Amino acid sequence: IALIKAYMGLARDGRDATLLYLFWEPRRAKPEHERHRAEVAAFAQAADLPGTRFVAQSFSELWREWEELPEPDWIAAHAAALRQRYEDA
């Protein structure tokens, strides 16, 4: 419900906006994690208001993207440290 309220609030504002939904997911997904991903994907499909974009991403996916960025020069090392600290814990 909170996600829907946030999305609708951005859409009502009238300016172009992106709502980024970051979520934690363990390395070995269980059925409840797969169900969560399916629910988020269904919401993303339904979230099609003009000027308001919805993006869902796990922290692991975000960190992988950061590791591939050429700039700033510190971001790849920072992302690798985050992945080591939180994914291997």
PDB file of N, CA and C in Angstrom:
ATOM      1  N   ILE A   1       0.837  -1.187   0.000  1.00  0.00           N
ATOM      2  CA  ILE A   1       0.000   0.000   0.000  1.00  0.00           C
ATOM      3  C   ILE A   1       0.884   1.252   0.000  1.00  0.00           C
ATOM      4  N   ALA A   2       1.948   1.249   0.781  1.00  0.00           N
ATOM      5  CA  ALA A   2       2.825   2.422   0.836  1.00  0.00           C
ATOM      6  C   ALA A   2       3.453   2.700  -0.525  1.00  0.00           C
ATOM      7  N   LEU A   3       3.817   1.654  -1.241  1.00  0.00           N
ATOM      8  CA  LEU A   3       4.399   1.818  -2.567  1.00  0.00           C
ATOM      9  C   LEU A   3       3.397   2.459  -3.527  1.00  0.00           C
ATOM     10  N   ILE A   4       2.168   2.022  -3.471  1.00  0.00           N
ATOM     11  CA  ILE A   4       1.118   2.590  -4.315  1.00  0.00           C
ATOM     12  C   ILE A   4       0.897   4.055  -3.969  1.00  0.00           C
ATOM     13  N   LYS A   5       0.846   4.374  -2.681  1.00  0.00           N
ATOM     14  CA  LYS A   5       0.653   5.768  -2.252  1.00  0.00           C
ATOM     15  C   LYS A   5       1.796   6.655  -2.729  1.00  0.00           C
ATOM     16  N   ALA A   6       3.027   6.169  -2.622  1.00  0.00           N
ATOM     17  CA  ALA A   6       4.177   6.951  -3.065  1.00  0.00           C
ATOM     18  C   ALA A   6       4.118   7.193  -4.565  1.00  0.00           C
ATOM     19  N   TYR A   7       3.785   6.163  -5.313  1.00  0.00           N
ATOM     20  CA  TYR A   7       3.691   6.286  -6.767  1.00  0.00           C
ATOM     21  C   TYR A   7       2.589   7.269  -7.164  1.00  0.00           C
ATOM     22  N   MET A   8       1.433   7.138  -6.549  1.00  0.00           N
ATOM     23  CA  MET A   8       0.315   8.032  -6.867  1.00  0.00           C
ATOM     24  C   MET A   8       0.641   9.473  -6.473  1.00  0.00           C
ATOM     25  N   GLY A   9       1.333   9.652  -5.360  1.00  0.00           N
ATOM     26  CA  GLY A   9       1.722  10.995  -4.938  1.00  0.00           C
ATOM     27  C   GLY A   9       2.649  11.650  -5.939  1.00  0.00           C
ATOM     28  N   LEU A  10       3.599  10.893  -6.464  1.00  0.00           N
ATOM     29  CA  LEU A  10       4.493  11.426  -7.491  1.00  0.00           C
ATOM     30  C   LEU A  10       3.730  11.769  -8.762  1.00  0.00           C
ATOM     31  N   ALA A  11       2.815  10.900  -9.148  1.00  0.00           N
ATOM     32  CA  ALA A  11       2.031  11.135 -10.363  1.00  0.00           C
ATOM     33  C   ALA A  11       1.149  12.375 -10.216  1.00  0.00           C
ATOM     34  N   ARG A  12       0.602  12.574  -9.052  1.00  0.00           N
ATOM     35  CA  ARG A  12      -0.290  13.708  -8.801  1.00  0.00           C
ATOM     36  C   ARG A  12       0.472  15.032  -8.801  1.00  0.00           C
ATOM     37  N   ASP A  13       1.766  14.978  -8.492  1.00  0.00           N
ATOM     38  CA  ASP A  13       2.592  16.182  -8.427  1.00  0.00           C
ATOM     39  C   ASP A  13       2.696  16.886  -9.776  1.00  0.00           C
ATOM     40  N   GLY A  14       2.588  16.142 -10.861  1.00  0.00           N
ATOM     41  CA  GLY A  14       2.594  16.733 -12.182  1.00  0.00           C
ATOM     42  C   GLY A  14       3.955  16.876 -12.836  1.00  0.00           C
ATOM     43  N   ARG A  15       5.022  16.651 -12.095  1.00  0.00           N
ATOM     44  CA  ARG A  15       6.369  16.714 -12.677  1.00  0.00           C
ATOM     45  C   ARG A  15       6.824  15.316 -13.058  1.00  0.00           C
ATOM     46  N   ASP A  16       7.718  15.225 -14.025  1.00  0.00           N
ATOM     47  CA  ASP A  16       8.303  13.923 -14.370  1.00  0.00           C
ATOM     48  C   ASP A  16       9.089  13.408 -13.169  1.00  0.00           C
ATOM     49  N   ALA A  17       8.910  12.131 -12.850  1.00  0.00           N
ATOM     50  CA  ALA A  17       9.570  11.569 -11.673  1.00  0.00           C
ATOM     51  C   ALA A  17       9.793  10.076 -11.878  1.00  0.00           C
ATOM     52  N   THR A  18      10.767   9.570 -11.138  1.00  0.00           N
ATOM     53  CA  THR A  18      11.035   8.132 -11.106  1.00  0.00           C
ATOM     54  C   THR A  18      10.989   7.675  -9.660  1.00  0.00           C
ATOM     55  N   LEU A  19      10.213   6.653  -9.399  1.00  0.00           N
ATOM     56  CA  LEU A  19      10.178   6.027  -8.080  1.00  0.00           C
ATOM     57  C   LEU A  19      11.047   4.783  -8.163  1.00  0.00           C
ATOM     58  N   LEU A  20      12.152   4.789  -7.420  1.00  0.00           N
ATOM     59  CA  LEU A  20      13.051   3.638  -7.380  1.00  0.00           C
ATOM     60  C   LEU A  20      12.747   2.825  -6.134  1.00  0.00           C
ATOM     61  N   TYR A  21      12.386   1.572  -6.339  1.00  0.00           N
ATOM     62  CA  TYR A  21      12.094   0.651  -5.246  1.00  0.00           C
ATOM     63  C   TYR A  21      13.265  -0.309  -5.117  1.00  0.00           C
ATOM     64  N   LEU A  22      14.088  -0.123  -4.088  1.00  0.00           N
ATOM     65  CA  LEU A  22      15.211  -0.999  -3.813  1.00  0.00           C
ATOM     66  C   LEU A  22      14.815  -2.029  -2.761  1.00  0.00           C
ATOM     67  N   PHE A  23      15.204  -3.263  -2.992  1.00  0.00           N
ATOM     68  CA  PHE A  23      14.854  -4.304  -2.037  1.00  0.00           C
ATOM     69  C   PHE A  23      16.016  -5.268  -1.846  1.00  0.00           C
ATOM     70  N   TRP A  24      16.052  -5.853  -0.657  1.00  0.00           N
ATOM     71  CA  TRP A  24      17.065  -6.842  -0.321  1.00  0.00           C
ATOM     72  C   TRP A  24      16.562  -8.219  -0.718  1.00  0.00           C
ATOM     73  N   GLU A  25      17.474  -9.027  -1.201  1.00  0.00           N
ATOM     74  CA  GLU A  25      17.129 -10.377  -1.616  1.00  0.00           C
ATOM     75  C   GLU A  25      18.332 -11.273  -1.322  1.00  0.00           C
ATOM     76  N   PRO A  26      18.131 -12.396  -0.662  1.00  0.00           N
ATOM     77  CA  PRO A  26      19.266 -13.278  -0.389  1.00  0.00           C
ATOM     78  C   PRO A  26      19.756 -13.939  -1.676  1.00  0.00           C
ATOM     79  N   ARG A  27      20.965 -14.442  -1.636  1.00  0.00           N
ATOM     80  CA  ARG A  27      21.541 -15.098  -2.802  1.00  0.00           C
ATOM     81  C   ARG A  27      20.701 -16.277  -3.275  1.00  0.00           C
ATOM     82  N   ARG A  28      20.272 -17.068  -2.338  1.00  0.00           N
ATOM     83  CA  ARG A  28      19.441 -18.235  -2.681  1.00  0.00           C
ATOM     84  C   ARG A  28      17.982 -17.881  -2.401  1.00  0.00           C
ATOM     85  N   ALA A  29      17.290 -17.501  -3.459  1.00  0.00           N
ATOM     86  CA  ALA A  29      15.902 -17.071  -3.305  1.00  0.00           C
ATOM     87  C   ALA A  29      15.009 -18.229  -2.865  1.00  0.00           C
ATOM     88  N   LYS A  30      14.120 -17.917  -1.961  1.00  0.00           N
ATOM     89  CA  LYS A  30      13.114 -18.865  -1.495  1.00  0.00           C
ATOM     90  C   LYS A  30      11.801 -18.513  -2.188  1.00  0.00           C
ATOM     91  N   PRO A  31      10.786 -19.371  -2.062  1.00  0.00           N
ATOM     92  CA  PRO A  31       9.511 -19.088  -2.726  1.00  0.00           C
ATOM     93  C   PRO A  31       8.934 -17.707  -2.390  1.00  0.00           C
ATOM     94  N   GLU A  32       9.081 -17.265  -1.149  1.00  0.00           N
ATOM     95  CA  GLU A  32       8.524 -15.955  -0.797  1.00  0.00           C
ATOM     96  C   GLU A  32       9.270 -14.811  -1.498  1.00  0.00           C
ATOM     97  N   HIS A  33      10.558 -15.002  -1.786  1.00  0.00           N
ATOM     98  CA  HIS A  33      11.315 -13.981  -2.506  1.00  0.00           C
ATOM     99  C   HIS A  33      10.908 -13.962  -3.974  1.00  0.00           C
ATOM    100  N   GLU A  34      10.691 -15.132  -4.535  1.00  0.00           N
ATOM    101  CA  GLU A  34      10.225 -15.218  -5.919  1.00  0.00           C
ATOM    102  C   GLU A  34       8.821 -14.616  -6.047  1.00  0.00           C
ATOM    103  N   ARG A  35       7.991 -14.828  -5.055  1.00  0.00           N
ATOM    104  CA  ARG A  35       6.641 -14.250  -5.046  1.00  0.00           C
ATOM    105  C   ARG A  35       6.730 -12.725  -4.973  1.00  0.00           C
ATOM    106  N   HIS A  36       7.649 -12.223  -4.146  1.00  0.00           N
ATOM    107  CA  HIS A  36       7.847 -10.776  -4.035  1.00  0.00           C
ATOM    108  C   HIS A  36       8.247 -10.190  -5.391  1.00  0.00           C
ATOM    109  N   ARG A  37       9.195 -10.840  -6.057  1.00  0.00           N
ATOM    110  CA  ARG A  37       9.624 -10.364  -7.382  1.00  0.00           C
ATOM    111  C   ARG A  37       8.453 -10.348  -8.359  1.00  0.00           C
ATOM    112  N   ALA A  38       7.620 -11.375  -8.327  1.00  0.00           N
ATOM    113  CA  ALA A  38       6.460 -11.440  -9.221  1.00  0.00           C
ATOM    114  C   ALA A  38       5.471 -10.312  -8.918  1.00  0.00           C
ATOM    115  N   GLU A  39       5.251 -10.034  -7.641  1.00  0.00           N
ATOM    116  CA  GLU A  39       4.344  -8.947  -7.265  1.00  0.00           C
ATOM    117  C   GLU A  39       4.889  -7.591  -7.701  1.00  0.00           C
ATOM    118  N   VAL A  40       6.187  -7.399  -7.548  1.00  0.00           N
ATOM    119  CA  VAL A  40       6.812  -6.140  -7.971  1.00  0.00           C
ATOM    120  C   VAL A  40       6.722  -5.997  -9.488  1.00  0.00           C
ATOM    121  N   ALA A  41       6.961  -7.074 -10.216  1.00  0.00           N
ATOM    122  CA  ALA A  41       6.859  -7.033 -11.676  1.00  0.00           C
ATOM    123  C   ALA A  41       5.430  -6.709 -12.115  1.00  0.00           C
ATOM    124  N   ALA A  42       4.450  -7.276 -11.424  1.00  0.00           N
ATOM    125  CA  ALA A  42       3.049  -6.981 -11.751  1.00  0.00           C
ATOM    126  C   ALA A  42       2.737  -5.510 -11.485  1.00  0.00           C
ATOM    127  N   PHE A  43       3.250  -4.975 -10.378  1.00  0.00           N
ATOM    128  CA  PHE A  43       3.039  -3.559 -10.084  1.00  0.00           C
ATOM    129  C   PHE A  43       3.702  -2.694 -11.157  1.00  0.00           C
ATOM    130  N   ALA A  44       4.917  -3.055 -11.565  1.00  0.00           N
ATOM    131  CA  ALA A  44       5.633  -2.288 -12.586  1.00  0.00           C
ATOM    132  C   ALA A  44       4.849  -2.266 -13.895  1.00  0.00           C
ATOM    133  N   GLN A  45       4.214  -3.370 -14.236  1.00  0.00           N
ATOM    134  CA  GLN A  45       3.396  -3.431 -15.449  1.00  0.00           C
ATOM    135  C   GLN A  45       2.181  -2.504 -15.344  1.00  0.00           C
ATOM    136  N   ALA A  46       1.602  -2.437 -14.167  1.00  0.00           N
ATOM    137  CA  ALA A  46       0.402  -1.617 -13.962  1.00  0.00           C
ATOM    138  C   ALA A  46       0.728  -0.133 -13.781  1.00  0.00           C
ATOM    139  N   ALA A  47       1.948   0.170 -13.389  1.00  0.00           N
ATOM    140  CA  ALA A  47       2.355   1.547 -13.106  1.00  0.00           C
ATOM    141  C   ALA A  47       2.723   2.235 -14.415  1.00  0.00           C
ATOM    142  N   ASP A  48       1.726   2.782 -15.081  1.00  0.00           N
ATOM    143  CA  ASP A  48       1.979   3.387 -16.391  1.00  0.00           C
ATOM    144  C   ASP A  48       1.398   4.797 -16.506  1.00  0.00           C
ATOM    145  N   LEU A  49       1.478   5.547 -15.428  1.00  0.00           N
ATOM    146  CA  LEU A  49       0.968   6.911 -15.468  1.00  0.00           C
ATOM    147  C   LEU A  49       1.943   7.814 -16.215  1.00  0.00           C
ATOM    148  N   PRO A  50       1.437   8.753 -17.020  1.00  0.00           N
ATOM    149  CA  PRO A  50       2.322   9.629 -17.790  1.00  0.00           C
ATOM    150  C   PRO A  50       3.263  10.427 -16.886  1.00  0.00           C
ATOM    151  N   GLY A  51       4.529  10.452 -17.263  1.00  0.00           N
ATOM    152  CA  GLY A  51       5.501  11.255 -16.540  1.00  0.00           C
ATOM    153  C   GLY A  51       6.024  10.648 -15.252  1.00  0.00           C
ATOM    154  N   THR A  52       5.504   9.500 -14.852  1.00  0.00           N
ATOM    155  CA  THR A  52       5.946   8.876 -13.604  1.00  0.00           C
ATOM    156  C   THR A  52       6.429   7.467 -13.915  1.00  0.00           C
ATOM    157  N   ARG A  53       7.678   7.237 -13.655  1.00  0.00           N
ATOM    158  CA  ARG A  53       8.308   5.961 -13.956  1.00  0.00           C
ATOM    159  C   ARG A  53       8.531   5.174 -12.666  1.00  0.00           C
ATOM    160  N   PHE A  54       8.355   3.879 -12.740  1.00  0.00           N
ATOM    161  CA  PHE A  54       8.600   2.991 -11.606  1.00  0.00           C
ATOM    162  C   PHE A  54       9.726   2.036 -11.978  1.00  0.00           C
ATOM    163  N   VAL A  55      10.758   1.981 -11.127  1.00  0.00           N
ATOM    164  CA  VAL A  55      11.896   1.095 -11.352  1.00  0.00           C
ATOM    165  C   VAL A  55      12.107   0.282 -10.079  1.00  0.00           C
ATOM    166  N   ALA A  56      12.176  -1.030 -10.221  1.00  0.00           N
ATOM    167  CA  ALA A  56      12.427  -1.917  -9.078  1.00  0.00           C
ATOM    168  C   ALA A  56      13.754  -2.615  -9.308  1.00  0.00           C
ATOM    169  N   GLN A  57      14.536  -2.709  -8.242  1.00  0.00           N
ATOM    170  CA  GLN A  57      15.861  -3.290  -8.369  1.00  0.00           C
ATOM    171  C   GLN A  57      16.324  -3.801  -7.011  1.00  0.00           C
ATOM    172  N   SER A  58      16.994  -4.934  -7.028  1.00  0.00           N
ATOM    173  CA  SER A  58      17.578  -5.425  -5.774  1.00  0.00           C
ATOM    174  C   SER A  58      18.883  -4.671  -5.518  1.00  0.00           C
ATOM    175  N   PHE A  59      19.309  -4.655  -4.277  1.00  0.00           N
ATOM    176  CA  PHE A  59      20.586  -4.026  -3.953  1.00  0.00           C
ATOM    177  C   PHE A  59      21.717  -4.699  -4.731  1.00  0.00           C
ATOM    178  N   SER A  60      21.679  -6.013  -4.863  1.00  0.00           N
ATOM    179  CA  SER A  60      22.725  -6.729  -5.601  1.00  0.00           C
ATOM    180  C   SER A  60      22.799  -6.268  -7.048  1.00  0.00           C
ATOM    181  N   GLU A  61      21.648  -6.070  -7.681  1.00  0.00           N
ATOM    182  CA  GLU A  61      21.626  -5.579  -9.058  1.00  0.00           C
ATOM    183  C   GLU A  61      22.208  -4.169  -9.145  1.00  0.00           C
ATOM    184  N   LEU A  62      21.861  -3.325  -8.194  1.00  0.00           N
ATOM    185  CA  LEU A  62      22.386  -1.962  -8.165  1.00  0.00           C
ATOM    186  C   LEU A  62      23.905  -1.976  -8.011  1.00  0.00           C
ATOM    187  N   TRP A  63      24.397  -2.772  -7.095  1.00  0.00           N
ATOM    188  CA  TRP A  63      25.838  -2.833  -6.857  1.00  0.00           C
ATOM    189  C   TRP A  63      26.585  -3.359  -8.078  1.00  0.00           C
ATOM    190  N   ARG A  64      25.997  -4.331  -8.794  1.00  0.00           N
ATOM    191  CA  ARG A  64      26.629  -4.824 -10.030  1.00  0.00           C
ATOM    192  C   ARG A  64      26.729  -3.698 -11.064  1.00  0.00           C
ATOM    193  N   GLU A  65      25.674  -2.895 -11.170  1.00  0.00           N
ATOM    194  CA  GLU A  65      25.710  -1.748 -12.089  1.00  0.00           C
ATOM    195  C   GLU A  65      26.815  -0.775 -11.690  1.00  0.00           C
ATOM    196  N   TRP A  66      26.931  -0.500 -10.404  1.00  0.00           N
ATOM    197  CA  TRP A  66      27.957   0.420  -9.923  1.00  0.00           C
ATOM    198  C   TRP A  66      29.354  -0.105 -10.246  1.00  0.00           C
ATOM    199  N   GLU A  67      29.542  -1.414 -10.146  1.00  0.00           N
ATOM    200  CA  GLU A  67      30.859  -1.997 -10.423  1.00  0.00           C
ATOM    201  C   GLU A  67      31.271  -1.796 -11.883  1.00  0.00           C
ATOM    202  N   GLU A  68      30.319  -1.606 -12.762  1.00  0.00           N
ATOM    203  CA  GLU A  68      30.609  -1.437 -14.184  1.00  0.00           C
ATOM    204  C   GLU A  68      30.782   0.026 -14.595  1.00  0.00           C
ATOM    205  N   LEU A  69      30.504   0.958 -13.686  1.00  0.00           N
ATOM    206  CA  LEU A  69      30.628   2.377 -14.024  1.00  0.00           C
ATOM    207  C   LEU A  69      32.098   2.802 -14.088  1.00  0.00           C
ATOM    208  N   PRO A  70      32.462   3.557 -15.113  1.00  0.00           N
ATOM    209  CA  PRO A  70      33.842   4.027 -15.200  1.00  0.00           C
ATOM    210  C   PRO A  70      34.134   5.205 -14.268  1.00  0.00           C
ATOM    211  N   GLU A  71      33.113   5.943 -13.906  1.00  0.00           N
ATOM    212  CA  GLU A  71      33.271   7.121 -13.032  1.00  0.00           C
ATOM    213  C   GLU A  71      32.127   7.168 -12.043  1.00  0.00           C
ATOM    214  N   PRO A  72      32.317   7.737 -10.898  1.00  0.00           N
ATOM    215  CA  PRO A  72      33.593   8.168 -10.337  1.00  0.00           C
ATOM    216  C   PRO A  72      34.495   6.968 -10.083  1.00  0.00           C
ATOM    217  N   ASP A  73      35.780   7.220 -10.002  1.00  0.00           N
ATOM    218  CA  ASP A  73      36.744   6.123  -9.945  1.00  0.00           C
ATOM    219  C   ASP A  73      36.626   5.259  -8.688  1.00  0.00           C
ATOM    220  N   TRP A  74      36.011   5.748  -7.635  1.00  0.00           N
ATOM    221  CA  TRP A  74      35.901   4.990  -6.386  1.00  0.00           C
ATOM    222  C   TRP A  74      34.674   4.085  -6.331  1.00  0.00           C
ATOM    223  N   ILE A  75      33.712   4.273  -7.252  1.00  0.00           N
ATOM    224  CA  ILE A  75      32.408   3.591  -7.117  1.00  0.00           C
ATOM    225  C   ILE A  75      32.520   2.070  -7.272  1.00  0.00           C
ATOM    226  N   ALA A  76      33.347   1.591  -8.193  1.00  0.00           N
ATOM    227  CA  ALA A  76      33.463   0.143  -8.403  1.00  0.00           C
ATOM    228  C   ALA A  76      34.001  -0.550  -7.158  1.00  0.00           C
ATOM    229  N   ALA A  77      35.020   0.040  -6.545  1.00  0.00           N
ATOM    230  CA  ALA A  77      35.593  -0.554  -5.332  1.00  0.00           C
ATOM    231  C   ALA A  77      34.588  -0.509  -4.182  1.00  0.00           C
ATOM    232  N   HIS A  78      33.849   0.571  -4.093  1.00  0.00           N
ATOM    233  CA  HIS A  78      32.838   0.698  -3.044  1.00  0.00           C
ATOM    234  C   HIS A  78      31.747  -0.365  -3.219  1.00  0.00           C
ATOM    235  N   ALA A  79      31.285  -0.537  -4.459  1.00  0.00           N
ATOM    236  CA  ALA A  79      30.257  -1.537  -4.742  1.00  0.00           C
ATOM    237  C   ALA A  79      30.759  -2.942  -4.429  1.00  0.00           C
ATOM    238  N   ALA A  80      31.986  -3.225  -4.796  1.00  0.00           N
ATOM    239  CA  ALA A  80      32.559  -4.548  -4.507  1.00  0.00           C
ATOM    240  C   ALA A  80      32.632  -4.787  -3.005  1.00  0.00           C
ATOM    241  N   ALA A  81      32.998  -3.758  -2.255  1.00  0.00           N
ATOM    242  CA  ALA A  81      33.060  -3.891  -0.791  1.00  0.00           C
ATOM    243  C   ALA A  81      31.667  -4.126  -0.207  1.00  0.00           C
ATOM    244  N   LEU A  82      30.662  -3.442  -0.729  1.00  0.00           N
ATOM    245  CA  LEU A  82      29.285  -3.648  -0.262  1.00  0.00           C
ATOM    246  C   LEU A  82      28.826  -5.074  -0.550  1.00  0.00           C
ATOM    247  N   ARG A  83      29.098  -5.535  -1.766  1.00  0.00           N
ATOM    248  CA  ARG A  83      28.706  -6.904  -2.126  1.00  0.00           C
ATOM    249  C   ARG A  83      29.408  -7.921  -1.231  1.00  0.00           C
ATOM    250  N   GLN A  84      30.692  -7.727  -0.976  1.00  0.00           N
ATOM    251  CA  GLN A  84      31.430  -8.658  -0.104  1.00  0.00           C
ATOM    252  C   GLN A  84      30.872  -8.642   1.307  1.00  0.00           C
ATOM    253  N   ARG A  85      30.587  -7.461   1.809  1.00  0.00           N
ATOM    254  CA  ARG A  85      30.107  -7.322   3.190  1.00  0.00           C
ATOM    255  C   ARG A  85      28.701  -7.901   3.379  1.00  0.00           C
ATOM    256  N   TYR A  86      27.804  -7.612   2.455  1.00  0.00           N
ATOM    257  CA  TYR A  86      26.403  -7.952   2.676  1.00  0.00           C
ATOM    258  C   TYR A  86      25.923  -9.191   1.923  1.00  0.00           C
ATOM    259  N   GLU A  87      26.575  -9.544   0.845  1.00  0.00           N
ATOM    260  CA  GLU A  87      26.129 -10.742   0.130  1.00  0.00           C
ATOM    261  C   GLU A  87      26.782 -12.006   0.679  1.00  0.00           C
ATOM    262  N   ASP A  88      27.959 -11.877   1.203  1.00  0.00           N
ATOM    263  CA  ASP A  88      28.673 -13.055   1.686  1.00  0.00           C
ATOM    264  C   ASP A  88      28.504 -13.251   3.195  1.00  0.00           C
ATOM    265  N   ALA A  89      27.737 -12.374   3.817  1.00  0.00           N
ATOM    266  CA  ALA A  89      27.569 -12.440   5.271  1.00  0.00           C
ATOM    267  C   ALA A  89      26.750 -13.649   5.681  1.00  0.00           C
TER     268      ALA A  89
END
